[in-house]
Amino acid sequence: AHDLAAGTLVKAFKLSLPGYGFHVVSKLGHPRARTIRAFSEW
């Protein structure tokens, strides 16, 4: 993303491949749920 925004790289063609999803997984009711949520937001 940084290289595309800076113009050091450009997209060569208008055809992409699907990527990956990134998630934070935690146990429901975890005692540090607020900290985990703050980390996810960050």
PDB file of all heavy atoms in Angstrom:
ATOM      1  N   ALA A   1       0.821  -1.220   0.000  1.00  0.00           N
ATOM      2  CA  ALA A   1       0.000   0.000   0.000  1.00  0.00           C
ATOM      3  C   ALA A   1       0.851   1.263   0.000  1.00  0.00           C
ATOM      4  O   ALA A   1       0.574   2.211  -0.742  1.00  0.00           O
ATOM      5  CB  ALA A   1      -0.954  -0.007   1.194  1.00  0.00           C
ATOM      6  N   HIS A   2       1.891   1.285   0.827  1.00  0.00           N
ATOM      7  CA  HIS A   2       2.752   2.471   0.893  1.00  0.00           C
ATOM      8  C   HIS A   2       3.441   2.720  -0.448  1.00  0.00           C
ATOM      9  O   HIS A   2       3.507   3.859  -0.925  1.00  0.00           O
ATOM     10  CB  HIS A   2       3.784   2.317   2.004  1.00  0.00           C
ATOM     11  CG  HIS A   2       4.743   3.461   2.098  1.00  0.00           C
ATOM     12  ND1 HIS A   2       4.393   4.689   2.623  1.00  0.00           N
ATOM     13  CD2 HIS A   2       6.031   3.581   1.690  1.00  0.00           C
ATOM     14  CE1 HIS A   2       5.424   5.513   2.542  1.00  0.00           C
ATOM     15  NE2 HIS A   2       6.430   4.857   1.986  1.00  0.00           N
ATOM     16  N   ASP A   3       3.939   1.667  -1.075  1.00  0.00           N
ATOM     17  CA  ASP A   3       4.627   1.812  -2.367  1.00  0.00           C
ATOM     18  C   ASP A   3       3.661   2.234  -3.471  1.00  0.00           C
ATOM     19  O   ASP A   3       4.022   3.018  -4.345  1.00  0.00           O
ATOM     20  CB  ASP A   3       5.324   0.497  -2.742  1.00  0.00           C
ATOM     21  CG  ASP A   3       6.439   0.160  -1.781  1.00  0.00           C
ATOM     22  OD1 ASP A   3       7.354   0.991  -1.618  1.00  0.00           O
ATOM     23  OD2 ASP A   3       6.391  -0.922  -1.179  1.00  0.00           O
ATOM     24  N   LEU A   4       2.429   1.731  -3.435  1.00  0.00           N
ATOM     25  CA  LEU A   4       1.425   2.160  -4.414  1.00  0.00           C
ATOM     26  C   LEU A   4       1.082   3.636  -4.209  1.00  0.00           C
ATOM     27  O   LEU A   4       0.996   4.399  -5.176  1.00  0.00           O
ATOM     28  CB  LEU A   4       0.166   1.299  -4.310  1.00  0.00           C
ATOM     29  CG  LEU A   4       0.294  -0.145  -4.786  1.00  0.00           C
ATOM     30  CD1 LEU A   4      -0.936  -0.955  -4.383  1.00  0.00           C
ATOM     31  CD2 LEU A   4       0.516  -0.217  -6.293  1.00  0.00           C
ATOM     32  N   ALA A   5       0.901   4.043  -2.954  1.00  0.00           N
ATOM     33  CA  ALA A   5       0.572   5.444  -2.661  1.00  0.00           C
ATOM     34  C   ALA A   5       1.720   6.376  -3.027  1.00  0.00           C
ATOM     35  O   ALA A   5       1.498   7.487  -3.512  1.00  0.00           O
ATOM     36  CB  ALA A   5       0.213   5.601  -1.184  1.00  0.00           C
ATOM     37  N   ALA A   6       2.951   5.918  -2.818  1.00  0.00           N
ATOM     38  CA  ALA A   6       4.128   6.742  -3.119  1.00  0.00           C
ATOM     39  C   ALA A   6       4.461   6.750  -4.610  1.00  0.00           C
ATOM     40  O   ALA A   6       5.261   7.572  -5.066  1.00  0.00           O
ATOM     41  CB  ALA A   6       5.331   6.229  -2.325  1.00  0.00           C
ATOM     42  N   GLY A   7       3.868   5.823  -5.363  1.00  0.00           N
ATOM     43  CA  GLY A   7       4.158   5.764  -6.796  1.00  0.00           C
ATOM     44  C   GLY A   7       5.404   4.975  -7.148  1.00  0.00           C
ATOM     45  O   GLY A   7       5.823   4.972  -8.302  1.00  0.00           O
ATOM     46  N   THR A   8       6.016   4.287  -6.177  1.00  0.00           N
ATOM     47  CA  THR A   8       7.184   3.458  -6.507  1.00  0.00           C
ATOM     48  C   THR A   8       6.752   2.133  -7.113  1.00  0.00           C
ATOM     49  O   THR A   8       7.554   1.448  -7.742  1.00  0.00           O
ATOM     50  CB  THR A   8       8.065   3.200  -5.263  1.00  0.00           C
ATOM     51  OG1 THR A   8       7.253   2.669  -4.219  1.00  0.00           O
ATOM     52  CG2 THR A   8       8.733   4.483  -4.801  1.00  0.00           C
ATOM     53  N   LEU A   9       5.475   1.778  -6.930  1.00  0.00           N
ATOM     54  CA  LEU A   9       4.862   0.627  -7.598  1.00  0.00           C
ATOM     55  C   LEU A   9       3.525   1.061  -8.173  1.00  0.00           C
ATOM     56  O   LEU A   9       2.876   1.955  -7.639  1.00  0.00           O
ATOM     57  CB  LEU A   9       4.618  -0.526  -6.618  1.00  0.00           C
ATOM     58  CG  LEU A   9       5.820  -1.308  -6.123  1.00  0.00           C
ATOM     59  CD1 LEU A   9       5.390  -2.338  -5.084  1.00  0.00           C
ATOM     60  CD2 LEU A   9       6.554  -1.990  -7.274  1.00  0.00           C
ATOM     61  N   VAL A  10       3.126   0.417  -9.266  1.00  0.00           N
ATOM     62  CA  VAL A  10       1.819   0.651  -9.875  1.00  0.00           C
ATOM     63  C   VAL A  10       1.189  -0.690 -10.214  1.00  0.00           C
ATOM     64  O   VAL A  10       1.890  -1.675 -10.441  1.00  0.00           O
ATOM     65  CB  VAL A  10       1.908   1.530 -11.143  1.00  0.00           C
ATOM     66  CG1 VAL A  10       2.357   2.942 -10.801  1.00  0.00           C
ATOM     67  CG2 VAL A  10       2.843   0.908 -12.170  1.00  0.00           C
ATOM     68  N   LYS A  11      -0.137  -0.714 -10.250  1.00  0.00           N
ATOM     69  CA  LYS A  11      -0.843  -1.921 -10.667  1.00  0.00           C
ATOM     70  C   LYS A  11      -0.684  -2.060 -12.179  1.00  0.00           C
ATOM     71  O   LYS A  11      -0.954  -1.120 -12.928  1.00  0.00           O
ATOM     72  CB  LYS A  11      -2.311  -1.847 -10.265  1.00  0.00           C
ATOM     73  CG  LYS A  11      -2.508  -1.889  -8.767  1.00  0.00           C
ATOM     74  CD  LYS A  11      -3.969  -1.757  -8.393  1.00  0.00           C
ATOM     75  CE  LYS A  11      -4.136  -1.775  -6.882  1.00  0.00           C
ATOM     76  NZ  LYS A  11      -5.532  -1.522  -6.494  1.00  0.00           N
ATOM     77  N   ALA A  12      -0.252  -3.237 -12.612  1.00  0.00           N
ATOM     78  CA  ALA A  12       0.025  -3.454 -14.031  1.00  0.00           C
ATOM     79  C   ALA A  12      -1.236  -3.756 -14.832  1.00  0.00           C
ATOM     80  O   ALA A  12      -1.333  -3.372 -15.996  1.00  0.00           O
ATOM     81  CB  ALA A  12       1.048  -4.581 -14.192  1.00  0.00           C
ATOM     82  N   PHE A  13      -2.189  -4.457 -14.239  1.00  0.00           N
ATOM     83  CA  PHE A  13      -3.414  -4.846 -14.934  1.00  0.00           C
ATOM     84  C   PHE A  13      -4.588  -4.765 -13.974  1.00  0.00           C
ATOM     85  O   PHE A  13      -4.425  -4.853 -12.766  1.00  0.00           O
ATOM     86  CB  PHE A  13      -3.304  -6.282 -15.472  1.00  0.00           C
ATOM     87  CG  PHE A  13      -2.175  -6.468 -16.429  1.00  0.00           C
ATOM     88  CD1 PHE A  13      -1.006  -7.093 -16.018  1.00  0.00           C
ATOM     89  CD2 PHE A  13      -2.249  -6.004 -17.728  1.00  0.00           C
ATOM     90  CE1 PHE A  13       0.054  -7.256 -16.884  1.00  0.00           C
ATOM     91  CE2 PHE A  13      -1.198  -6.160 -18.605  1.00  0.00           C
ATOM     92  CZ  PHE A  13      -0.039  -6.787 -18.184  1.00  0.00           C
ATOM     93  N   LYS A  14      -5.782  -4.640 -14.528  1.00  0.00           N
ATOM     94  CA  LYS A  14      -6.993  -4.544 -13.714  1.00  0.00           C
ATOM     95  C   LYS A  14      -7.604  -5.925 -13.515  1.00  0.00           C
ATOM     96  O   LYS A  14      -8.750  -6.169 -13.861  1.00  0.00           O
ATOM     97  CB  LYS A  14      -7.986  -3.598 -14.367  1.00  0.00           C
ATOM     98  CG  LYS A  14      -7.491  -2.182 -14.397  1.00  0.00           C
ATOM     99  CD  LYS A  14      -8.488  -1.234 -14.992  1.00  0.00           C
ATOM    100  CE  LYS A  14      -7.846   0.134 -15.012  1.00  0.00           C
ATOM    101  NZ  LYS A  14      -8.765   1.184 -15.233  1.00  0.00           N
ATOM    102  N   LEU A  15      -6.794  -6.808 -12.965  1.00  0.00           N
ATOM    103  CA  LEU A  15      -7.252  -8.153 -12.623  1.00  0.00           C
ATOM    104  C   LEU A  15      -6.511  -8.561 -11.362  1.00  0.00           C
ATOM    105  O   LEU A  15      -5.279  -8.511 -11.325  1.00  0.00           O
ATOM    106  CB  LEU A  15      -6.956  -9.141 -13.757  1.00  0.00           C
ATOM    107  CG  LEU A  15      -7.319 -10.598 -13.484  1.00  0.00           C
ATOM    108  CD1 LEU A  15      -8.827 -10.768 -13.302  1.00  0.00           C
ATOM    109  CD2 LEU A  15      -6.822 -11.494 -14.609  1.00  0.00           C
ATOM    110  N   SER A  16      -7.260  -8.926 -10.340  1.00  0.00           N
ATOM    111  CA  SER A  16      -6.654  -9.279  -9.060  1.00  0.00           C
ATOM    112  C   SER A  16      -7.053 -10.689  -8.645  1.00  0.00           C
ATOM    113  O   SER A  16      -7.952 -11.297  -9.233  1.00  0.00           O
ATOM    114  CB  SER A  16      -7.082  -8.286  -7.985  1.00  0.00           C
ATOM    115  OG  SER A  16      -8.487  -8.373  -7.785  1.00  0.00           O
ATOM    116  N   LEU A  17      -6.380 -11.175  -7.634  1.00  0.00           N
ATOM    117  CA  LEU A  17      -6.709 -12.452  -7.003  1.00  0.00           C
ATOM    118  C   LEU A  17      -7.209 -12.176  -5.594  1.00  0.00           C
ATOM    119  O   LEU A  17      -6.723 -11.247  -4.941  1.00  0.00           O
ATOM    120  CB  LEU A  17      -5.471 -13.351  -6.920  1.00  0.00           C
ATOM    121  CG  LEU A  17      -4.884 -13.842  -8.231  1.00  0.00           C
ATOM    122  CD1 LEU A  17      -3.568 -14.569  -7.981  1.00  0.00           C
ATOM    123  CD2 LEU A  17      -5.874 -14.751  -8.954  1.00  0.00           C
ATOM    124  N   PRO A  18      -8.158 -12.982  -5.119  1.00  0.00           N
ATOM    125  CA  PRO A  18      -8.608 -12.777  -3.745  1.00  0.00           C
ATOM    126  C   PRO A  18      -7.479 -13.073  -2.766  1.00  0.00           C
ATOM    127  O   PRO A  18      -6.611 -13.905  -3.029  1.00  0.00           O
ATOM    128  CB  PRO A  18      -9.752 -13.782  -3.586  1.00  0.00           C
ATOM    129  CG  PRO A  18      -9.543 -14.787  -4.659  1.00  0.00           C
ATOM    130  CD  PRO A  18      -8.811 -14.095  -5.774  1.00  0.00           C
ATOM    131  N   GLY A  19      -7.502 -12.365  -1.666  1.00  0.00           N
ATOM    132  CA  GLY A  19      -6.451 -12.525  -0.667  1.00  0.00           C
ATOM    133  C   GLY A  19      -6.943 -13.245   0.563  1.00  0.00           C
ATOM    134  O   GLY A  19      -7.716 -14.198   0.479  1.00  0.00           O
ATOM    135  N   TYR A  20      -6.517 -12.753   1.680  1.00  0.00           N
ATOM    136  CA  TYR A  20      -6.776 -13.392   2.959  1.00  0.00           C
ATOM    137  C   TYR A  20      -7.530 -12.439   3.874  1.00  0.00           C
ATOM    138  O   TYR A  20      -7.418 -11.223   3.752  1.00  0.00           O
ATOM    139  CB  TYR A  20      -5.452 -13.783   3.621  1.00  0.00           C
ATOM    140  CG  TYR A  20      -4.656 -14.738   2.772  1.00  0.00           C
ATOM    141  CD1 TYR A  20      -3.703 -14.282   1.873  1.00  0.00           C
ATOM    142  CD2 TYR A  20      -4.878 -16.106   2.864  1.00  0.00           C
ATOM    143  CE1 TYR A  20      -2.983 -15.165   1.086  1.00  0.00           C
ATOM    144  CE2 TYR A  20      -4.161 -16.996   2.080  1.00  0.00           C
ATOM    145  CZ  TYR A  20      -3.218 -16.517   1.188  1.00  0.00           C
ATOM    146  OH  TYR A  20      -2.517 -17.390   0.399  1.00  0.00           O
ATOM    147  N   GLY A  21      -8.270 -13.010   4.800  1.00  0.00           N
ATOM    148  CA  GLY A  21      -8.926 -12.213   5.831  1.00  0.00           C
ATOM    149  C   GLY A  21      -8.072 -12.251   7.086  1.00  0.00           C
ATOM    150  O   GLY A  21      -7.458 -13.268   7.403  1.00  0.00           O
ATOM    151  N   PHE A  22      -8.033 -11.140   7.790  1.00  0.00           N
ATOM    152  CA  PHE A  22      -7.261 -11.041   9.023  1.00  0.00           C
ATOM    153  C   PHE A  22      -8.217 -10.727  10.162  1.00  0.00           C
ATOM    154  O   PHE A  22      -9.067  -9.845  10.044  1.00  0.00           O
ATOM    155  CB  PHE A  22      -6.180  -9.965   8.890  1.00  0.00           C
ATOM    156  CG  PHE A  22      -5.174 -10.294   7.828  1.00  0.00           C
ATOM    157  CD1 PHE A  22      -5.403  -9.951   6.501  1.00  0.00           C
ATOM    158  CD2 PHE A  22      -4.009 -10.972   8.157  1.00  0.00           C
ATOM    159  CE1 PHE A  22      -4.482 -10.281   5.516  1.00  0.00           C
ATOM    160  CE2 PHE A  22      -3.089 -11.301   7.181  1.00  0.00           C
ATOM    161  CZ  PHE A  22      -3.327 -10.960   5.853  1.00  0.00           C
ATOM    162  N   HIS A  23      -8.062 -11.462  11.256  1.00  0.00           N
ATOM    163  CA  HIS A  23      -9.003 -11.377  12.358  1.00  0.00           C
ATOM    164  C   HIS A  23      -8.262 -11.443  13.696  1.00  0.00           C
ATOM    165  O   HIS A  23      -7.170 -11.995  13.782  1.00  0.00           O
ATOM    166  CB  HIS A  23      -9.986 -12.553  12.321  1.00  0.00           C
ATOM    167  CG  HIS A  23     -10.492 -12.871  10.954  1.00  0.00           C
ATOM    168  ND1 HIS A  23     -11.541 -12.208  10.377  1.00  0.00           N
ATOM    169  CD2 HIS A  23     -10.058 -13.766  10.029  1.00  0.00           C
ATOM    170  CE1 HIS A  23     -11.754 -12.695   9.176  1.00  0.00           C
ATOM    171  NE2 HIS A  23     -10.867 -13.637   8.928  1.00  0.00           N
ATOM    172  N   VAL A  24      -8.901 -10.901  14.714  1.00  0.00           N
ATOM    173  CA  VAL A  24      -8.461 -11.111  16.093  1.00  0.00           C
ATOM    174  C   VAL A  24      -9.493 -12.050  16.701  1.00  0.00           C
ATOM    175  O   VAL A  24     -10.696 -11.777  16.658  1.00  0.00           O
ATOM    176  CB  VAL A  24      -8.383  -9.791  16.881  1.00  0.00           C
ATOM    177  CG1 VAL A  24      -8.104 -10.062  18.349  1.00  0.00           C
ATOM    178  CG2 VAL A  24      -7.302  -8.883  16.301  1.00  0.00           C
ATOM    179  N   VAL A  25      -9.017 -13.163  17.233  1.00  0.00           N
ATOM    180  CA  VAL A  25      -9.898 -14.164  17.822  1.00  0.00           C
ATOM    181  C   VAL A  25      -9.629 -14.219  19.321  1.00  0.00           C
ATOM    182  O   VAL A  25      -8.477 -14.318  19.750  1.00  0.00           O
ATOM    183  CB  VAL A  25      -9.667 -15.556  17.187  1.00  0.00           C
ATOM    184  CG1 VAL A  25     -10.574 -16.601  17.811  1.00  0.00           C
ATOM    185  CG2 VAL A  25      -9.856 -15.487  15.674  1.00  0.00           C
ATOM    186  N   SER A  26     -10.698 -14.148  20.100  1.00  0.00           N
ATOM    187  CA  SER A  26     -10.551 -14.231  21.550  1.00  0.00           C
ATOM    188  C   SER A  26     -11.714 -15.015  22.139  1.00  0.00           C
ATOM    189  O   SER A  26     -12.767 -15.165  21.511  1.00  0.00           O
ATOM    190  CB  SER A  26     -10.487 -12.832  22.170  1.00  0.00           C
ATOM    191  OG  SER A  26     -11.673 -12.117  21.908  1.00  0.00           O
ATOM    192  N   LYS A  27     -11.514 -15.481  23.325  1.00  0.00           N
ATOM    193  CA  LYS A  27     -12.539 -16.247  24.030  1.00  0.00           C
ATOM    194  C   LYS A  27     -13.629 -15.295  24.512  1.00  0.00           C
ATOM    195  O   LYS A  27     -13.329 -14.239  25.094  1.00  0.00           O
ATOM    196  CB  LYS A  27     -11.891 -16.981  25.213  1.00  0.00           C
ATOM    197  CG  LYS A  27     -12.814 -17.875  25.965  1.00  0.00           C
ATOM    198  CD  LYS A  27     -12.041 -18.602  27.055  1.00  0.00           C
ATOM    199  CE  LYS A  27     -12.979 -19.466  27.858  1.00  0.00           C
ATOM    200  NZ  LYS A  27     -12.260 -20.131  28.941  1.00  0.00           N
ATOM    201  N   LEU A  28     -14.876 -15.659  24.279  1.00  0.00           N
ATOM    202  CA  LEU A  28     -16.004 -14.855  24.724  1.00  0.00           C
ATOM    203  C   LEU A  28     -15.957 -14.728  26.249  1.00  0.00           C
ATOM    204  O   LEU A  28     -15.728 -15.709  26.953  1.00  0.00           O
ATOM    205  CB  LEU A  28     -17.319 -15.521  24.291  1.00  0.00           C
ATOM    206  CG  LEU A  28     -18.572 -14.681  24.431  1.00  0.00           C
ATOM    207  CD1 LEU A  28     -18.473 -13.408  23.588  1.00  0.00           C
ATOM    208  CD2 LEU A  28     -19.786 -15.482  23.992  1.00  0.00           C
ATOM    209  N   GLY A  29     -16.093 -13.520  26.745  1.00  0.00           N
ATOM    210  CA  GLY A  29     -16.048 -13.277  28.177  1.00  0.00           C
ATOM    211  C   GLY A  29     -14.636 -13.254  28.745  1.00  0.00           C
ATOM    212  O   GLY A  29     -14.454 -13.351  29.958  1.00  0.00           O
ATOM    213  N   HIS A  30     -13.645 -13.108  27.885  1.00  0.00           N
ATOM    214  CA  HIS A  30     -12.248 -13.059  28.348  1.00  0.00           C
ATOM    215  C   HIS A  30     -12.097 -11.903  29.341  1.00  0.00           C
ATOM    216  O   HIS A  30     -12.648 -10.814  29.141  1.00  0.00           O
ATOM    217  CB  HIS A  30     -11.316 -12.866  27.152  1.00  0.00           C
ATOM    218  CG  HIS A  30      -9.876 -13.064  27.480  1.00  0.00           C
ATOM    219  ND1 HIS A  30      -9.125 -12.109  28.121  1.00  0.00           N
ATOM    220  CD2 HIS A  30      -9.049 -14.111  27.245  1.00  0.00           C
ATOM    221  CE1 HIS A  30      -7.890 -12.551  28.274  1.00  0.00           C
ATOM    222  NE2 HIS A  30      -7.820 -13.771  27.743  1.00  0.00           N
ATOM    223  N   PRO A  31     -11.345 -12.101  30.432  1.00  0.00           N
ATOM    224  CA  PRO A  31     -11.214 -11.039  31.441  1.00  0.00           C
ATOM    225  C   PRO A  31     -10.532  -9.771  30.905  1.00  0.00           C
ATOM    226  O   PRO A  31     -10.686  -8.705  31.506  1.00  0.00           O
ATOM    227  CB  PRO A  31     -10.382 -11.692  32.553  1.00  0.00           C
ATOM    228  CG  PRO A  31      -9.807 -12.920  31.978  1.00  0.00           C
ATOM    229  CD  PRO A  31     -10.652 -13.324  30.815  1.00  0.00           C
ATOM    230  N   ARG A  32      -9.827  -9.875  29.812  1.00  0.00           N
ATOM    231  CA  ARG A  32      -9.172  -8.685  29.248  1.00  0.00           C
ATOM    232  C   ARG A  32      -9.829  -8.271  27.934  1.00  0.00           C
ATOM    233  O   ARG A  32      -9.185  -7.758  27.031  1.00  0.00           O
ATOM    234  CB  ARG A  32      -7.691  -8.977  29.055  1.00  0.00           C
ATOM    235  CG  ARG A  32      -7.037  -9.311  30.420  1.00  0.00           C
ATOM    236  CD  ARG A  32      -5.581  -9.494  30.330  1.00  0.00           C
ATOM    237  NE  ARG A  32      -4.959  -8.175  30.290  1.00  0.00           N
ATOM    238  CZ  ARG A  32      -3.685  -7.981  30.036  1.00  0.00           C
ATOM    239  NH1 ARG A  32      -2.895  -9.001  29.808  1.00  0.00           N
ATOM    240  NH2 ARG A  32      -3.184  -6.771  30.007  1.00  0.00           N
ATOM    241  N   ALA A  33     -11.136  -8.486  27.830  1.00  0.00           N
ATOM    242  CA  ALA A  33     -11.886  -8.200  26.604  1.00  0.00           C
ATOM    243  C   ALA A  33     -11.730  -6.740  26.164  1.00  0.00           C
ATOM    244  O   ALA A  33     -11.590  -6.454  24.976  1.00  0.00           O
ATOM    245  CB  ALA A  33     -13.357  -8.551  26.785  1.00  0.00           C
ATOM    246  N   ARG A  34     -11.734  -5.817  27.112  1.00  0.00           N
ATOM    247  CA  ARG A  34     -11.584  -4.387  26.749  1.00  0.00           C
ATOM    248  C   ARG A  34     -10.221  -4.121  26.136  1.00  0.00           C
ATOM    249  O   ARG A  34     -10.096  -3.368  25.167  1.00  0.00           O
ATOM    250  CB  ARG A  34     -11.822  -3.514  27.983  1.00  0.00           C
ATOM    251  CG  ARG A  34     -13.287  -3.487  28.384  1.00  0.00           C
ATOM    252  CD  ARG A  34     -13.549  -2.684  29.615  1.00  0.00           C
ATOM    253  NE  ARG A  34     -13.053  -1.315  29.483  1.00  0.00           N
ATOM    254  CZ  ARG A  34     -12.904  -0.489  30.508  1.00  0.00           C
ATOM    255  NH1 ARG A  34     -13.208  -0.899  31.730  1.00  0.00           N
ATOM    256  NH2 ARG A  34     -12.458   0.732  30.317  1.00  0.00           N
ATOM    257  N   THR A  35      -9.182  -4.732  26.690  1.00  0.00           N
ATOM    258  CA  THR A  35      -7.824  -4.566  26.151  1.00  0.00           C
ATOM    259  C   THR A  35      -7.734  -5.174  24.754  1.00  0.00           C
ATOM    260  O   THR A  35      -7.142  -4.578  23.849  1.00  0.00           O
ATOM    261  CB  THR A  35      -6.792  -5.217  27.090  1.00  0.00           C
ATOM    262  OG1 THR A  35      -6.921  -4.627  28.378  1.00  0.00           O
ATOM    263  CG2 THR A  35      -5.381  -5.035  26.562  1.00  0.00           C
ATOM    264  N   ILE A  36      -8.325  -6.337  24.575  1.00  0.00           N
ATOM    265  CA  ILE A  36      -8.315  -6.997  23.260  1.00  0.00           C
ATOM    266  C   ILE A  36      -9.067  -6.139  22.250  1.00  0.00           C
ATOM    267  O   ILE A  36      -8.609  -5.953  21.115  1.00  0.00           O
ATOM    268  CB  ILE A  36      -8.923  -8.417  23.367  1.00  0.00           C
ATOM    269  CG1 ILE A  36      -8.016  -9.299  24.227  1.00  0.00           C
ATOM    270  CG2 ILE A  36      -9.134  -9.022  21.987  1.00  0.00           C
ATOM    271  CD1 ILE A  36      -8.643 -10.620  24.648  1.00  0.00           C
ATOM    272  N   ARG A  37     -10.216  -5.601  22.622  1.00  0.00           N
ATOM    273  CA  ARG A  37     -10.994  -4.736  21.731  1.00  0.00           C
ATOM    274  C   ARG A  37     -10.191  -3.481  21.371  1.00  0.00           C
ATOM    275  O   ARG A  37     -10.157  -3.054  20.216  1.00  0.00           O
ATOM    276  CB  ARG A  37     -12.329  -4.367  22.374  1.00  0.00           C
ATOM    277  CG  ARG A  37     -13.285  -3.705  21.426  1.00  0.00           C
ATOM    278  CD  ARG A  37     -14.717  -3.544  21.954  1.00  0.00           C
ATOM    279  NE  ARG A  37     -14.845  -3.292  23.386  1.00  0.00           N
ATOM    280  CZ  ARG A  37     -15.175  -4.218  24.299  1.00  0.00           C
ATOM    281  NH1 ARG A  37     -15.403  -5.451  23.938  1.00  0.00           N
ATOM    282  NH2 ARG A  37     -15.268  -3.897  25.585  1.00  0.00           N
ATOM    283  N   ALA A  38      -9.498  -2.887  22.345  1.00  0.00           N
ATOM    284  CA  ALA A  38      -8.670  -1.697  22.080  1.00  0.00           C
ATOM    285  C   ALA A  38      -7.537  -2.046  21.111  1.00  0.00           C
ATOM    286  O   ALA A  38      -7.219  -1.264  20.210  1.00  0.00           O
ATOM    287  CB  ALA A  38      -8.104  -1.142  23.391  1.00  0.00           C
ATOM    288  N   PHE A  39      -6.955  -3.231  21.293  1.00  0.00           N
ATOM    289  CA  PHE A  39      -5.899  -3.682  20.398  1.00  0.00           C
ATOM    290  C   PHE A  39      -6.438  -3.845  18.970  1.00  0.00           C
ATOM    291  O   PHE A  39      -5.811  -3.398  18.001  1.00  0.00           O
ATOM    292  CB  PHE A  39      -5.306  -4.999  20.907  1.00  0.00           C
ATOM    293  CG  PHE A  39      -4.268  -5.600  20.008  1.00  0.00           C
ATOM    294  CD1 PHE A  39      -3.034  -4.992  19.850  1.00  0.00           C
ATOM    295  CD2 PHE A  39      -4.526  -6.770  19.315  1.00  0.00           C
ATOM    296  CE1 PHE A  39      -2.063  -5.537  19.023  1.00  0.00           C
ATOM    297  CE2 PHE A  39      -3.573  -7.329  18.483  1.00  0.00           C
ATOM    298  CZ  PHE A  39      -2.340  -6.710  18.340  1.00  0.00           C
ATOM    299  N   SER A  40      -7.614  -4.447  18.830  1.00  0.00           N
ATOM    300  CA  SER A  40      -8.240  -4.620  17.512  1.00  0.00           C
ATOM    301  C   SER A  40      -8.498  -3.272  16.853  1.00  0.00           C
ATOM    302  O   SER A  40      -8.245  -3.093  15.654  1.00  0.00           O
ATOM    303  CB  SER A  40      -9.565  -5.382  17.631  1.00  0.00           C
ATOM    304  OG  SER A  40      -9.345  -6.698  18.045  1.00  0.00           O
ATOM    305  N   GLU A  41      -9.002  -2.332  17.612  1.00  0.00           N
ATOM    306  CA  GLU A  41      -9.272  -0.990  17.071  1.00  0.00           C
ATOM    307  C   GLU A  41      -7.978  -0.316  16.641  1.00  0.00           C
ATOM    308  O   GLU A  41      -7.937   0.357  15.608  1.00  0.00           O
ATOM    309  CB  GLU A  41     -10.027  -0.148  18.097  1.00  0.00           C
ATOM    310  CG  GLU A  41     -11.445  -0.630  18.296  1.00  0.00           C
ATOM    311  CD  GLU A  41     -12.146   0.070  19.457  1.00  0.00           C
ATOM    312  OE1 GLU A  41     -11.585   1.030  20.022  1.00  0.00           O
ATOM    313  OE2 GLU A  41     -13.260  -0.377  19.803  1.00  0.00           O
ATOM    314  N   TRP A  42      -6.932  -0.496  17.419  1.00  0.00           N
ATOM    315  CA  TRP A  42      -5.624   0.077  17.064  1.00  0.00           C
ATOM    316  C   TRP A  42      -5.121  -0.530  15.757  1.00  0.00           C
ATOM    317  O   TRP A  42      -4.627   0.179  14.883  1.00  0.00           O
ATOM    318  CB  TRP A  42      -4.623  -0.161  18.195  1.00  0.00           C
ATOM    319  CG  TRP A  42      -3.242   0.281  17.863  1.00  0.00           C
ATOM    320  CD1 TRP A  42      -2.762   1.552  17.819  1.00  0.00           C
ATOM    321  CD2 TRP A  42      -2.147  -0.571  17.483  1.00  0.00           C
ATOM    322  NE1 TRP A  42      -1.438   1.562  17.455  1.00  0.00           N
ATOM    323  CE2 TRP A  42      -1.034   0.261  17.243  1.00  0.00           C
ATOM    324  CE3 TRP A  42      -2.014  -1.939  17.334  1.00  0.00           C
ATOM    325  CZ2 TRP A  42       0.206  -0.236  16.859  1.00  0.00           C
ATOM    326  CZ3 TRP A  42      -0.773  -2.436  16.955  1.00  0.00           C
ATOM    327  CH2 TRP A  42       0.300  -1.595  16.724  1.00  0.00           C
TER     328      TRP A  42
END
